[in-house]
Amino acid sequence: MTEGANGGESGGGVADRRSPKRRRRDLSELVVLVRPPGNLTATRAFAADELDQAHAYAAEHSARVEQLAE
């Protein structure tokens, strides 16, 4: 009998099967960046069709919307 990392349990554990809230984008689709001050992990990039969401996210986090270079 083989033991898993959890002591006597064998098997793979729990899988997270939630759908992402936003679809994945190609890097070339991203046009703006929002960097909340003091929280690097909250940085998000947005595509042109998500500009309303970018501005809402920036307002929510006291940040500004930064245009990415073309």
Protein backbone atom coordinates (compact mmCIF):
# COMPACT_ATOMS: atom_id res chain seq x y z
CA MET A 1 0.00 0.00 0.00
CA THR A 2 1.28 3.44 -0.86
CA GLU A 3 0.79 6.47 1.33
CA GLY A 4 0.07 9.93 -0.01
CA ALA A 5 1.49 13.19 1.22
CA ASN A 6 -1.37 13.47 3.74
CA GLY A 7 -0.26 10.54 5.87
CA GLY A 8 -2.41 7.47 5.21
CA GLU A 9 -4.47 8.93 2.39
CA SER A 10 -3.80 8.07 -1.22
CA GLY A 11 -5.14 9.99 -4.20
CA GLY A 12 -4.95 13.33 -5.86
CA GLY A 13 -6.90 15.70 -3.62
CA VAL A 14 -9.55 18.23 -4.54
CA ALA A 15 -9.68 19.86 -7.98
CA ASP A 16 -10.91 23.44 -8.40
CA ARG A 17 -13.35 23.34 -11.32
CA ARG A 18 -14.65 26.92 -11.24
CA SER A 19 -14.73 28.84 -14.49
CA PRO A 20 -12.51 31.93 -14.63
CA LYS A 21 -14.42 35.20 -14.19
CA ARG A 22 -12.63 36.65 -17.20
CA ARG A 23 -11.51 34.87 -20.32
CA ARG A 24 -7.81 34.52 -21.05
CA ARG A 25 -6.38 37.08 -23.46
CA ASP A 26 -3.40 37.14 -25.77
CA LEU A 27 -0.75 39.62 -24.72
CA SER A 28 -1.38 41.61 -27.89
CA GLU A 29 -5.00 42.23 -26.81
CA LEU A 30 -4.07 44.00 -23.55
CA VAL A 31 -4.18 47.79 -23.77
CA VAL A 32 -4.30 49.14 -20.19
CA LEU A 33 -2.87 48.27 -16.80
CA VAL A 34 -4.22 49.04 -13.33
CA ARG A 35 -1.67 48.90 -10.48
CA PRO A 36 -3.21 49.49 -7.04
CA PRO A 37 -0.66 51.31 -4.86
CA GLY A 38 1.07 49.13 -2.28
CA ASN A 39 -0.40 45.87 -3.61
CA LEU A 40 1.55 44.37 -6.51
CA THR A 41 -0.54 41.19 -6.47
CA ALA A 42 -3.66 43.20 -7.33
CA THR A 43 -2.21 44.46 -10.64
CA ARG A 44 -4.49 43.63 -13.57
CA ALA A 45 -4.32 44.15 -17.33
CA PHE A 46 -7.41 44.81 -19.45
CA ALA A 47 -8.31 44.57 -23.14
CA ALA A 48 -9.95 47.36 -25.17
CA ASP A 49 -13.44 45.92 -24.64
CA GLU A 50 -12.87 45.91 -20.85
CA LEU A 51 -12.09 49.62 -20.40
CA ASP A 52 -15.23 50.20 -18.29
CA GLN A 53 -14.14 47.36 -16.00
CA ALA A 54 -10.61 48.79 -15.84
CA HIS A 55 -11.86 52.21 -14.75
CA ALA A 56 -14.19 50.65 -12.16
CA TYR A 57 -11.35 48.49 -10.81
CA ALA A 58 -9.05 51.53 -10.64
CA ALA A 59 -11.66 53.58 -8.76
CA GLU A 60 -12.28 50.70 -6.36
CA HIS A 61 -8.55 50.45 -5.55
CA SER A 62 -7.57 54.14 -5.62
CA ALA A 63 -5.42 53.49 -8.69
CA ARG A 64 -5.21 54.91 -12.18
CA VAL A 65 -5.58 53.32 -15.59
CA GLU A 66 -2.25 53.28 -17.44
CA GLN A 67 -2.13 52.97 -21.23
CA LEU A 68 0.28 50.28 -22.42
CA ALA A 69 2.71 51.14 -25.21
CA GLU A 70 1.78 49.92 -28.67
